[in-house]
């Protein structure tokens, strides 16, 4: 499992680009472990990859990447757990996991 430590001030944001595997059925899920109101999270889809020129090399992936946006709200510590998994495979471990400790200081 990957681990990251992030320090922010209230009102600041941190963005994390997450590789996509939607074409294989995987989605990113997150859970916040903290008191309410320390951080806010949102996830957006990034634009799809540009279509390759005919006869050129194949693209690395056709899956759309995701962007996680963390916004610091009030001082405190929050832990965010990210999992890349197929929604119908709840009994299986995730393909990839990340844990982030976010410290919001004045």
Protein backbone atom coordinates (compact mmCIF):
# COMPACT_ATOMS: atom_id res chain seq x y z
CA UNK A 1 0.00 0.00 0.00
CA UNK A 2 1.27 3.44 -0.91
CA UNK A 3 1.37 6.07 1.84
CA UNK A 4 1.51 9.85 1.44
CA UNK A 5 1.70 12.72 3.96
CA UNK A 6 0.25 16.06 2.94
CA UNK A 7 0.30 19.35 4.85
CA UNK A 8 -2.20 22.08 3.96
CA UNK A 9 -3.57 25.33 5.32
CA UNK A 10 -7.33 26.01 5.46
CA UNK A 11 -8.57 26.96 2.00
CA UNK A 12 -5.65 25.32 0.17
CA UNK A 13 -6.13 22.39 -2.19
CA UNK A 14 -4.02 19.43 -3.25
CA UNK A 15 -4.66 17.53 -6.49
CA UNK A 16 -3.69 13.93 -7.14
CA UNK A 17 -3.91 12.43 -10.61
CA UNK A 18 -5.08 8.81 -10.50
CA UNK A 19 -4.54 6.46 -13.40
CA UNK A 20 -7.71 4.94 -14.74
CA UNK A 21 -8.61 1.36 -15.53
CA UNK A 22 -12.26 1.94 -16.30
CA UNK A 23 -11.95 -0.04 -19.52
CA UNK A 24 -11.29 -3.10 -17.32
CA UNK A 25 -14.14 -2.29 -14.91
CA UNK A 26 -12.06 -0.70 -12.12
CA UNK A 27 -13.10 2.47 -10.29
CA UNK A 28 -11.48 4.56 -7.58
CA UNK A 29 -13.29 4.72 -4.23
CA UNK A 30 -12.31 6.78 -1.20
CA UNK A 31 -13.15 6.93 2.48
CA UNK A 32 -12.33 9.75 4.90
CA UNK A 33 -11.30 8.77 8.43
CA UNK A 34 -11.58 11.99 10.47
CA UNK A 35 -13.92 14.28 12.30
CA UNK A 36 -16.32 15.99 9.94
CA UNK A 37 -15.22 19.28 8.43
CA UNK A 38 -11.40 18.90 8.30
CA UNK A 39 -11.17 18.18 4.56
CA UNK A 40 -13.51 17.95 1.59
CA UNK A 41 -12.85 15.59 -1.31
CA UNK A 42 -14.11 15.53 -4.86
CA UNK A 43 -13.19 13.42 -7.86
CA UNK A 44 -13.33 14.56 -11.47
CA UNK A 45 -12.71 12.85 -14.79
CA UNK A 46 -9.83 14.18 -16.85
CA UNK A 47 -10.25 14.60 -20.62
CA UNK A 48 -9.90 11.37 -22.63
CA UNK A 49 -6.60 10.64 -24.34
CA UNK A 50 -6.03 12.07 -27.80
CA UNK A 51 -6.71 9.60 -30.59
CA UNK A 52 -3.45 8.42 -32.16
CA UNK A 53 -2.59 9.16 -35.75
CA UNK A 54 -3.22 6.26 -38.14
CA UNK A 55 -0.14 4.09 -38.39
CA UNK A 56 1.36 5.56 -35.20
CA UNK A 57 2.04 3.78 -31.93
CA UNK A 58 -0.91 2.61 -29.87
CA UNK A 59 -1.78 4.72 -26.80
CA UNK A 60 -0.84 3.46 -23.34
CA UNK A 61 -4.49 3.24 -22.30
CA UNK A 62 -7.95 4.25 -23.41
CA UNK A 63 -9.14 4.54 -19.81
CA UNK A 64 -10.05 7.99 -18.55
CA UNK A 65 -7.88 9.20 -15.67
CA UNK A 66 -9.37 10.63 -12.48
CA UNK A 67 -8.34 13.69 -10.49
CA UNK A 68 -8.78 13.68 -6.71
CA UNK A 69 -9.11 17.19 -5.25
CA UNK A 70 -8.52 17.61 -1.51
CA UNK A 71 -9.61 20.91 0.03
CA UNK A 72 -8.46 21.80 3.54
CA UNK A 73 -11.27 23.25 5.65
CA UNK A 74 -10.28 23.47 9.33
CA UNK A 75 -7.20 22.48 11.39
CA UNK A 76 -6.90 18.80 12.24
CA UNK A 77 -5.70 15.49 10.86
CA UNK A 78 -7.61 13.36 8.35
CA UNK A 79 -6.77 10.04 6.78
CA UNK A 80 -8.03 9.21 3.33
CA UNK A 81 -7.98 5.66 2.00
CA UNK A 82 -8.20 5.17 -1.77
CA UNK A 83 -8.96 1.80 -3.36
CA UNK A 84 -8.93 0.81 -7.01
CA UNK A 85 -11.40 -2.05 -7.38
CA UNK A 86 -14.20 -3.51 -9.41
CA UNK A 87 -17.51 -2.73 -7.67
CA UNK A 88 -18.83 -6.28 -8.07
CA UNK A 89 -15.70 -7.87 -6.52
CA UNK A 90 -16.21 -6.79 -2.88
CA UNK A 91 -14.74 -10.05 -1.55
CA UNK A 92 -11.43 -9.55 -3.37
CA UNK A 93 -8.65 -7.22 -2.27
CA UNK A 94 -8.31 -3.99 -4.30
CA UNK A 95 -5.92 -3.90 -7.23
CA UNK A 96 -4.24 -0.83 -5.73
CA UNK A 97 -4.53 1.02 -2.42
CA UNK A 98 -3.27 4.36 -1.15
CA UNK A 99 -3.45 5.93 2.27
CA UNK A 100 -2.96 9.66 2.76
CA UNK A 101 -2.50 11.46 6.05
CA UNK A 102 -3.56 15.07 5.62
CA UNK A 103 -2.59 17.58 8.28
CA UNK A 104 -4.37 20.92 8.16
CA UNK A 105 -2.56 23.62 10.15
CA UNK A 106 -3.27 27.31 10.71
